[in-house]
């Protein structure tokens, strides 16, 4: 896309073919070619966080979202980058052939997790690992795979080979939050994903991510997200498997606000 002549040819070809094409998708920098056709004007688009500001400045009529894996707006599908492109592809397969086939393909690709489009590009565990250069750096990944287990301060301290008091103090200094708060955020983030993509009951979802009771799960969910788990599922279960729910609010910088 850095070759001006090639870019013009691609834009011309896209403009000509768009009306006869059922779906048009972009991955990463592919957004530039499609945006240049003006076909995306007024659309909500997902853009890699590093490109978001530049895309918003070059194409001010786009509604740029910098923190979603992929978005669908009409016939147009936009995604953040390479791995988000895999998630988008699986979503397209699911649209055409159903969830079972999409999950089979995901397994063949050895995909760790089939992610909905509404998931944030920069996940909580990745932020944790990026910020930390200590022995805590791998703890977030371990926690994410053991949400249903005991993740008390004592258990986590033992995993990090530290005494509970020193672990809590060090954790708070490095990440600006307590271990309990971090664990709850991880559990609720995973609960949101399971509510959006599965048929399990609210009670089973809460238990599967480590909450001791359905009441504790509901209280934490409402406190963090301002909606109860049942209402959340009704709002997002049908749309999140194929794309992120569109949020029409706009920030003062031209970016759409993250939900």
C-alpha atoms as a PDB file:
ATOM      1  CA  UNK A   1       0.000   0.000   0.000  1.00  0.00           C
ATOM      2  CA  UNK A   2       3.036   2.294   0.026  1.00  0.00           C
ATOM      3  CA  UNK A   3       3.154   2.299  -3.805  1.00  0.00           C
ATOM      4  CA  UNK A   4       0.908   5.187  -4.917  1.00  0.00           C
ATOM      5  CA  UNK A   5       0.211   3.725  -8.360  1.00  0.00           C
ATOM      6  CA  UNK A   6      -0.693   0.336  -6.922  1.00  0.00           C
ATOM      7  CA  UNK A   7      -2.892   1.966  -4.312  1.00  0.00           C
ATOM      8  CA  UNK A   8      -4.846   3.830  -6.983  1.00  0.00           C
ATOM      9  CA  UNK A   9      -5.387   0.599  -8.913  1.00  0.00           C
ATOM     10  CA  UNK A  10      -6.633  -1.178  -5.791  1.00  0.00           C
ATOM     11  CA  UNK A  11      -8.969   1.680  -4.876  1.00  0.00           C
ATOM     12  CA  UNK A  12     -10.369   1.742  -8.430  1.00  0.00           C
ATOM     13  CA  UNK A  13     -10.874  -2.029  -8.437  1.00  0.00           C
ATOM     14  CA  UNK A  14     -12.595  -1.986  -5.025  1.00  0.00           C
ATOM     15  CA  UNK A  15     -14.888   0.860  -6.051  1.00  0.00           C
ATOM     16  CA  UNK A  16     -15.884  -1.031  -9.188  1.00  0.00           C
ATOM     17  CA  UNK A  17     -16.457  -4.399  -7.482  1.00  0.00           C
ATOM     18  CA  UNK A  18     -18.088  -3.274  -4.238  1.00  0.00           C
ATOM     19  CA  UNK A  19     -21.692  -3.178  -5.441  1.00  0.00           C
ATOM     20  CA  UNK A  20     -21.468  -6.778  -6.647  1.00  0.00           C
ATOM     21  CA  UNK A  21     -19.675  -8.112  -3.578  1.00  0.00           C
ATOM     22  CA  UNK A  22     -21.591  -9.594  -0.635  1.00  0.00           C
ATOM     23  CA  UNK A  23     -18.893  -8.847   1.960  1.00  0.00           C
ATOM     24  CA  UNK A  24     -15.702  -6.805   1.980  1.00  0.00           C
ATOM     25  CA  UNK A  25     -13.190  -7.259   4.812  1.00  0.00           C
ATOM     26  CA  UNK A  26      -9.944  -5.588   5.798  1.00  0.00           C
ATOM     27  CA  UNK A  27      -7.088  -6.685   8.020  1.00  0.00           C
ATOM     28  CA  UNK A  28      -4.712  -4.156   9.564  1.00  0.00           C
ATOM     29  CA  UNK A  29      -3.425  -1.625   7.033  1.00  0.00           C
ATOM     30  CA  UNK A  30      -5.959  -2.836   4.476  1.00  0.00           C
ATOM     31  CA  UNK A  31      -8.266  -0.224   5.970  1.00  0.00           C
ATOM     32  CA  UNK A  32      -6.408   2.491   4.023  1.00  0.00           C
ATOM     33  CA  UNK A  33      -7.323   1.136   0.606  1.00  0.00           C
ATOM     34  CA  UNK A  34     -10.965   0.568   1.446  1.00  0.00           C
ATOM     35  CA  UNK A  35     -11.311   3.910   3.226  1.00  0.00           C
ATOM     36  CA  UNK A  36      -9.883   5.702   0.195  1.00  0.00           C
ATOM     37  CA  UNK A  37     -12.879   4.518  -1.863  1.00  0.00           C
ATOM     38  CA  UNK A  38     -15.166   6.481   0.509  1.00  0.00           C
ATOM     39  CA  UNK A  39     -17.324   3.377   0.793  1.00  0.00           C
ATOM     40  CA  UNK A  40     -16.691   3.371   4.529  1.00  0.00           C
ATOM     41  CA  UNK A  41     -17.777   6.966   5.129  1.00  0.00           C
ATOM     42  CA  UNK A  42     -20.078   7.020   8.139  1.00  0.00           C
ATOM     43  CA  UNK A  43     -19.225   3.429   9.088  1.00  0.00           C
ATOM     44  CA  UNK A  44     -17.892   2.104  12.379  1.00  0.00           C
ATOM     45  CA  UNK A  45     -14.485   0.535  11.764  1.00  0.00           C
ATOM     46  CA  UNK A  46     -12.010  -1.405  13.890  1.00  0.00           C
ATOM     47  CA  UNK A  47      -8.416  -0.285  13.491  1.00  0.00           C
ATOM     48  CA  UNK A  48      -5.143  -1.431  15.029  1.00  0.00           C
ATOM     49  CA  UNK A  49      -4.460   0.817  17.998  1.00  0.00           C
ATOM     50  CA  UNK A  50      -1.176   2.019  16.474  1.00  0.00           C
ATOM     51  CA  UNK A  51      -2.921   3.169  13.274  1.00  0.00           C
ATOM     52  CA  UNK A  52      -6.089   4.553  14.815  1.00  0.00           C
ATOM     53  CA  UNK A  53      -5.130   8.217  15.095  1.00  0.00           C
ATOM     54  CA  UNK A  54      -3.627   8.342  11.604  1.00  0.00           C
ATOM     55  CA  UNK A  55      -6.704   6.684  10.076  1.00  0.00           C
ATOM     56  CA  UNK A  56      -9.002   9.082  11.940  1.00  0.00           C
ATOM     57  CA  UNK A  57      -7.050  12.091  10.671  1.00  0.00           C
ATOM     58  CA  UNK A  58      -6.848  10.909   7.051  1.00  0.00           C
ATOM     59  CA  UNK A  59     -10.464   9.763   6.884  1.00  0.00           C
ATOM     60  CA  UNK A  60     -12.484  11.957   9.264  1.00  0.00           C
ATOM     61  CA  UNK A  61     -15.821  10.546   8.097  1.00  0.00           C
ATOM     62  CA  UNK A  62     -14.967   7.119   9.516  1.00  0.00           C
ATOM     63  CA  UNK A  63     -16.063   6.229  13.044  1.00  0.00           C
ATOM     64  CA  UNK A  64     -12.779   4.778  14.279  1.00  0.00           C
ATOM     65  CA  UNK A  65     -12.712   2.310  17.161  1.00  0.00           C
ATOM     66  CA  UNK A  66      -9.208   1.657  18.454  1.00  0.00           C
ATOM     67  CA  UNK A  67      -9.928  -1.062  20.979  1.00  0.00           C
ATOM     68  CA  UNK A  68     -11.901  -3.818  19.279  1.00  0.00           C
ATOM     69  CA  UNK A  69     -10.687  -6.885  17.426  1.00  0.00           C
ATOM     70  CA  UNK A  70     -13.122  -6.510  14.552  1.00  0.00           C
ATOM     71  CA  UNK A  71     -16.376  -4.786  13.633  1.00  0.00           C
ATOM     72  CA  UNK A  72     -19.168  -5.352  11.160  1.00  0.00           C
ATOM     73  CA  UNK A  73     -21.046  -2.440   9.628  1.00  0.00           C
ATOM     74  CA  UNK A  74     -23.334  -3.472   6.810  1.00  0.00           C
ATOM     75  CA  UNK A  75     -21.363  -5.359   4.171  1.00  0.00           C
ATOM     76  CA  UNK A  76     -18.045  -4.141   5.558  1.00  0.00           C
ATOM     77  CA  UNK A  77     -15.888  -5.974   8.079  1.00  0.00           C
ATOM     78  CA  UNK A  78     -12.770  -4.350   9.510  1.00  0.00           C
ATOM     79  CA  UNK A  79     -10.210  -5.886  11.858  1.00  0.00           C
ATOM     80  CA  UNK A  80      -7.258  -4.700  13.886  1.00  0.00           C
ATOM     81  CA  UNK A  81      -4.406  -6.877  12.682  1.00  0.00           C
ATOM     82  CA  UNK A  82      -3.080 -10.321  11.831  1.00  0.00           C
ATOM     83  CA  UNK A  83      -4.416 -12.384  14.728  1.00  0.00           C
ATOM     84  CA  UNK A  84      -7.621 -10.338  14.801  1.00  0.00           C
ATOM     85  CA  UNK A  85      -7.946 -11.296  11.134  1.00  0.00           C
ATOM     86  CA  UNK A  86      -8.088 -14.932  12.208  1.00  0.00           C
ATOM     87  CA  UNK A  87     -10.911 -14.114  14.614  1.00  0.00           C
ATOM     88  CA  UNK A  88     -12.720 -12.235  11.843  1.00  0.00           C
ATOM     89  CA  UNK A  89     -12.290 -15.158   9.458  1.00  0.00           C
ATOM     90  CA  UNK A  90     -13.735 -17.572  12.006  1.00  0.00           C
ATOM     91  CA  UNK A  91     -16.664 -15.192  12.462  1.00  0.00           C
ATOM     92  CA  UNK A  92     -17.323 -15.172   8.701  1.00  0.00           C
ATOM     93  CA  UNK A  93     -17.209 -18.974   8.660  1.00  0.00           C
ATOM     94  CA  UNK A  94     -19.686 -19.030  11.532  1.00  0.00           C
ATOM     95  CA  UNK A  95     -22.037 -16.703   9.636  1.00  0.00           C
ATOM     96  CA  UNK A  96     -22.066 -19.027   6.641  1.00  0.00           C
ATOM     97  CA  UNK A  97     -21.737 -22.493   8.180  1.00  0.00           C
ATOM     98  CA  UNK A  98     -22.564 -22.196  11.876  1.00  0.00           C
ATOM     99  CA  UNK A  99     -20.664 -22.249  15.154  1.00  0.00           C
ATOM    100  CA  UNK A 100     -19.748 -25.943  15.028  1.00  0.00           C
ATOM    101  CA  UNK A 101     -17.855 -25.625  11.737  1.00  0.00           C
ATOM    102  CA  UNK A 102     -16.156 -22.421  12.910  1.00  0.00           C
ATOM    103  CA  UNK A 103     -14.956 -24.125  16.096  1.00  0.00           C
ATOM    104  CA  UNK A 104     -13.700 -27.103  14.073  1.00  0.00           C
ATOM    105  CA  UNK A 105     -11.655 -24.760  11.880  1.00  0.00           C
ATOM    106  CA  UNK A 106     -10.358 -22.979  15.000  1.00  0.00           C
ATOM    107  CA  UNK A 107      -9.179 -26.311  16.342  1.00  0.00           C
ATOM    108  CA  UNK A 108      -7.430 -27.146  13.063  1.00  0.00           C
ATOM    109  CA  UNK A 109      -5.653 -23.789  13.255  1.00  0.00           C
ATOM    110  CA  UNK A 110      -4.648 -24.538  16.856  1.00  0.00           C
ATOM    111  CA  UNK A 111      -6.311 -21.306  17.961  1.00  0.00           C
ATOM    112  CA  UNK A 112      -6.198 -21.034  21.751  1.00  0.00           C
ATOM    113  CA  UNK A 113      -9.478 -19.151  21.980  1.00  0.00           C
ATOM    114  CA  UNK A 114     -12.137 -18.134  19.475  1.00  0.00           C
ATOM    115  CA  UNK A 115     -12.600 -14.473  20.389  1.00  0.00           C
ATOM    116  CA  UNK A 116     -15.642 -12.279  19.726  1.00  0.00           C
ATOM    117  CA  UNK A 117     -15.110  -9.028  17.842  1.00  0.00           C
ATOM    118  CA  UNK A 118     -15.976  -6.927  20.868  1.00  0.00           C
ATOM    119  CA  UNK A 119     -12.994  -8.121  22.856  1.00  0.00           C
ATOM    120  CA  UNK A 120     -10.345  -5.504  23.586  1.00  0.00           C
ATOM    121  CA  UNK A 121      -7.162  -5.545  21.501  1.00  0.00           C
ATOM    122  CA  UNK A 122      -4.968  -5.089  24.565  1.00  0.00           C
ATOM    123  CA  UNK A 123      -6.134  -7.664  27.097  1.00  0.00           C
ATOM    124  CA  UNK A 124      -5.742  -7.429  30.844  1.00  0.00           C
ATOM    125  CA  UNK A 125      -3.182 -10.303  31.029  1.00  0.00           C
ATOM    126  CA  UNK A 126      -1.139  -8.796  28.193  1.00  0.00           C
ATOM    127  CA  UNK A 127      -1.055  -5.428  29.946  1.00  0.00           C
ATOM    128  CA  UNK A 128       0.065  -7.237  33.063  1.00  0.00           C
ATOM    129  CA  UNK A 129       2.902  -9.025  31.242  1.00  0.00           C
ATOM    130  CA  UNK A 130       3.940  -5.914  29.312  1.00  0.00           C
ATOM    131  CA  UNK A 131       4.254  -3.799  32.434  1.00  0.00           C
ATOM    132  CA  UNK A 132       6.057  -6.390  34.522  1.00  0.00           C
ATOM    133  CA  UNK A 133       9.649  -7.532  34.239  1.00  0.00           C
ATOM    134  CA  UNK A 134       9.621  -9.366  37.565  1.00  0.00           C
ATOM    135  CA  UNK A 135       8.698 -12.887  38.579  1.00  0.00           C
ATOM    136  CA  UNK A 136       5.069 -11.750  38.412  1.00  0.00           C
ATOM    137  CA  UNK A 137       5.207 -11.372  34.618  1.00  0.00           C
ATOM    138  CA  UNK A 138       3.824 -14.832  33.837  1.00  0.00           C
ATOM    139  CA  UNK A 139       1.324 -14.906  36.669  1.00  0.00           C
ATOM    140  CA  UNK A 140      -1.522 -13.310  34.707  1.00  0.00           C
ATOM    141  CA  UNK A 141      -1.470 -16.004  32.035  1.00  0.00           C
ATOM    142  CA  UNK A 142      -1.511 -18.695  34.699  1.00  0.00           C
ATOM    143  CA  UNK A 143      -4.400 -16.973  36.475  1.00  0.00           C
ATOM    144  CA  UNK A 144      -6.432 -16.777  33.268  1.00  0.00           C
ATOM    145  CA  UNK A 145      -6.132 -20.538  32.838  1.00  0.00           C
ATOM    146  CA  UNK A 146      -7.073 -21.249  36.464  1.00  0.00           C
ATOM    147  CA  UNK A 147      -9.949 -18.857  37.120  1.00  0.00           C
ATOM    148  CA  UNK A 148     -12.042 -21.592  38.742  1.00  0.00           C
ATOM    149  CA  UNK A 149      -9.331 -22.352  41.294  1.00  0.00           C
ATOM    150  CA  UNK A 150      -8.307 -20.664  44.531  1.00  0.00           C
ATOM    151  CA  UNK A 151      -6.807 -17.302  43.545  1.00  0.00           C
ATOM    152  CA  UNK A 152      -6.583 -15.863  47.017  1.00  0.00           C
ATOM    153  CA  UNK A 153      -3.634 -13.707  47.997  1.00  0.00           C
ATOM    154  CA  UNK A 154      -2.166 -16.664  49.867  1.00  0.00           C
ATOM    155  CA  UNK A 155      -2.425 -18.966  46.837  1.00  0.00           C
ATOM    156  CA  UNK A 156      -1.001 -16.398  44.429  1.00  0.00           C
ATOM    157  CA  UNK A 157       1.796 -15.500  46.816  1.00  0.00           C
ATOM    158  CA  UNK A 158       2.767 -19.147  47.044  1.00  0.00           C
ATOM    159  CA  UNK A 159       2.770 -19.380  43.249  1.00  0.00           C
ATOM    160  CA  UNK A 160       5.083 -16.361  43.080  1.00  0.00           C
ATOM    161  CA  UNK A 161       7.267 -17.742  45.894  1.00  0.00           C
ATOM    162  CA  UNK A 162       6.628 -14.708  48.090  1.00  0.00           C
ATOM    163  CA  UNK A 163       5.030 -14.236  51.471  1.00  0.00           C
ATOM    164  CA  UNK A 164       1.427 -12.892  51.240  1.00  0.00           C
ATOM    165  CA  UNK A 165       2.266  -9.491  52.728  1.00  0.00           C
ATOM    166  CA  UNK A 166       5.240  -8.874  50.435  1.00  0.00           C
ATOM    167  CA  UNK A 167       3.326 -10.203  47.430  1.00  0.00           C
ATOM    168  CA  UNK A 168       0.358  -7.867  48.028  1.00  0.00           C
ATOM    169  CA  UNK A 169       2.611  -4.837  48.484  1.00  0.00           C
ATOM    170  CA  UNK A 170       4.698  -5.615  45.414  1.00  0.00           C
ATOM    171  CA  UNK A 171       1.630  -6.350  43.290  1.00  0.00           C
ATOM    172  CA  UNK A 172       0.033  -3.026  44.217  1.00  0.00           C
ATOM    173  CA  UNK A 173       3.230  -1.091  43.493  1.00  0.00           C
ATOM    174  CA  UNK A 174       3.754  -2.698  40.070  1.00  0.00           C
ATOM    175  CA  UNK A 175       0.172  -2.695  38.803  1.00  0.00           C
ATOM    176  CA  UNK A 176      -1.689  -0.079  40.790  1.00  0.00           C
ATOM    177  CA  UNK A 177      -4.385  -2.432  42.035  1.00  0.00           C
ATOM    178  CA  UNK A 178      -4.821  -5.197  44.566  1.00  0.00           C
ATOM    179  CA  UNK A 179      -4.602  -8.898  43.658  1.00  0.00           C
ATOM    180  CA  UNK A 180      -8.275  -9.360  44.599  1.00  0.00           C
ATOM    181  CA  UNK A 181      -9.364  -6.531  42.312  1.00  0.00           C
ATOM    182  CA  UNK A 182      -7.270  -7.869  39.445  1.00  0.00           C
ATOM    183  CA  UNK A 183      -8.649 -11.392  39.868  1.00  0.00           C
ATOM    184  CA  UNK A 184     -12.225 -10.126  39.875  1.00  0.00           C
ATOM    185  CA  UNK A 185     -11.620  -8.168  36.671  1.00  0.00           C
ATOM    186  CA  UNK A 186     -10.183 -11.259  34.974  1.00  0.00           C
ATOM    187  CA  UNK A 187     -13.111 -13.389  36.078  1.00  0.00           C
ATOM    188  CA  UNK A 188     -15.703 -10.895  34.920  1.00  0.00           C
ATOM    189  CA  UNK A 189     -13.993 -10.387  31.569  1.00  0.00           C
ATOM    190  CA  UNK A 190     -14.071 -14.142  30.958  1.00  0.00           C
ATOM    191  CA  UNK A 191     -17.661 -14.308  32.225  1.00  0.00           C
ATOM    192  CA  UNK A 192     -18.667 -11.674  29.659  1.00  0.00           C
ATOM    193  CA  UNK A 193     -17.138 -13.785  26.901  1.00  0.00           C
ATOM    194  CA  UNK A 194     -18.907 -16.932  28.059  1.00  0.00           C
ATOM    195  CA  UNK A 195     -22.241 -15.172  28.419  1.00  0.00           C
ATOM    196  CA  UNK A 196     -21.926 -13.831  24.872  1.00  0.00           C
ATOM    197  CA  UNK A 197     -20.908 -17.083  23.215  1.00  0.00           C
ATOM    198  CA  UNK A 198     -22.350 -19.999  25.140  1.00  0.00           C
ATOM    199  CA  UNK A 199     -25.616 -21.555  26.257  1.00  0.00           C
ATOM    200  CA  UNK A 200     -24.639 -22.144  29.879  1.00  0.00           C
ATOM    201  CA  UNK A 201     -26.838 -20.699  32.578  1.00  0.00           C
ATOM    202  CA  UNK A 202     -25.778 -17.545  34.407  1.00  0.00           C
ATOM    203  CA  UNK A 203     -25.167 -19.648  37.522  1.00  0.00           C
ATOM    204  CA  UNK A 204     -22.898 -22.068  35.637  1.00  0.00           C
ATOM    205  CA  UNK A 205     -20.936 -19.224  34.068  1.00  0.00           C
ATOM    206  CA  UNK A 206     -20.338 -17.637  37.463  1.00  0.00           C
ATOM    207  CA  UNK A 207     -19.182 -20.909  38.978  1.00  0.00           C
ATOM    208  CA  UNK A 208     -16.969 -21.759  35.992  1.00  0.00           C
ATOM    209  CA  UNK A 209     -14.937 -18.551  36.407  1.00  0.00           C
ATOM    210  CA  UNK A 210     -14.453 -18.959  40.143  1.00  0.00           C
ATOM    211  CA  UNK A 211     -17.283 -17.151  41.922  1.00  0.00           C
ATOM    212  CA  UNK A 212     -18.417 -19.049  45.005  1.00  0.00           C
ATOM    213  CA  UNK A 213     -22.117 -18.310  44.514  1.00  0.00           C
ATOM    214  CA  UNK A 214     -24.501 -16.933  41.914  1.00  0.00           C
ATOM    215  CA  UNK A 215     -25.280 -14.000  44.229  1.00  0.00           C
ATOM    216  CA  UNK A 216     -21.594 -13.082  44.512  1.00  0.00           C
ATOM    217  CA  UNK A 217     -21.283 -13.286  40.726  1.00  0.00           C
ATOM    218  CA  UNK A 218     -24.317 -11.070  40.106  1.00  0.00           C
ATOM    219  CA  UNK A 219     -23.244  -8.474  42.650  1.00  0.00           C
ATOM    220  CA  UNK A 220     -19.731  -8.222  41.202  1.00  0.00           C
ATOM    221  CA  UNK A 221     -21.054  -8.125  37.628  1.00  0.00           C
ATOM    222  CA  UNK A 222     -23.534  -5.324  38.374  1.00  0.00           C
ATOM    223  CA  UNK A 223     -20.983  -3.345  40.381  1.00  0.00           C
ATOM    224  CA  UNK A 224     -18.420  -3.424  37.567  1.00  0.00           C
ATOM    225  CA  UNK A 225     -20.618  -3.256  34.487  1.00  0.00           C
ATOM    226  CA  UNK A 226     -23.811  -1.597  35.654  1.00  0.00           C
ATOM    227  CA  UNK A 227     -26.023  -4.400  34.321  1.00  0.00           C
ATOM    228  CA  UNK A 228     -26.904  -7.859  35.606  1.00  0.00           C
ATOM    229  CA  UNK A 229     -25.566 -10.970  33.793  1.00  0.00           C
ATOM    230  CA  UNK A 230     -28.972 -11.977  32.399  1.00  0.00           C
ATOM    231  CA  UNK A 231     -29.563  -8.579  30.806  1.00  0.00           C
ATOM    232  CA  UNK A 232     -26.011  -8.536  29.464  1.00  0.00           C
ATOM    233  CA  UNK A 233     -26.585 -11.881  27.736  1.00  0.00           C
ATOM    234  CA  UNK A 234     -29.846 -10.694  26.181  1.00  0.00           C
ATOM    235  CA  UNK A 235     -28.145  -7.580  24.797  1.00  0.00           C
ATOM    236  CA  UNK A 236     -25.007  -9.130  23.369  1.00  0.00           C
ATOM    237  CA  UNK A 237     -25.376 -12.885  22.885  1.00  0.00           C
ATOM    238  CA  UNK A 238     -26.768 -12.691  19.349  1.00  0.00           C
ATOM    239  CA  UNK A 239     -24.344 -10.085  17.980  1.00  0.00           C
ATOM    240  CA  UNK A 240     -21.006 -10.599  19.661  1.00  0.00           C
ATOM    241  CA  UNK A 241     -20.255 -13.934  18.004  1.00  0.00           C
ATOM    242  CA  UNK A 242     -20.074 -12.222  14.629  1.00  0.00           C
ATOM    243  CA  UNK A 243     -19.079  -8.686  15.490  1.00  0.00           C
ATOM    244  CA  UNK A 244     -18.873  -6.158  18.259  1.00  0.00           C
ATOM    245  CA  UNK A 245     -22.021  -4.286  19.236  1.00  0.00           C
ATOM    246  CA  UNK A 246     -21.915  -0.868  17.588  1.00  0.00           C
ATOM    247  CA  UNK A 247     -21.606   2.049  19.994  1.00  0.00           C
ATOM    248  CA  UNK A 248     -22.760   5.294  18.392  1.00  0.00           C
ATOM    249  CA  UNK A 249     -21.223   7.574  21.018  1.00  0.00           C
ATOM    250  CA  UNK A 250     -18.317   9.710  19.877  1.00  0.00           C
ATOM    251  CA  UNK A 251     -15.450  11.187  21.753  1.00  0.00           C
ATOM    252  CA  UNK A 252     -14.203  14.716  21.249  1.00  0.00           C
ATOM    253  CA  UNK A 253     -11.178  13.425  19.322  1.00  0.00           C
ATOM    254  CA  UNK A 254     -13.311  11.714  16.681  1.00  0.00           C
ATOM    255  CA  UNK A 255     -12.823   8.218  18.112  1.00  0.00           C
ATOM    256  CA  UNK A 256     -15.772   6.184  19.275  1.00  0.00           C
ATOM    257  CA  UNK A 257     -15.688   5.600  23.013  1.00  0.00           C
ATOM    258  CA  UNK A 258     -14.945   2.076  24.203  1.00  0.00           C
ATOM    259  CA  UNK A 259     -17.930   0.403  25.840  1.00  0.00           C
END
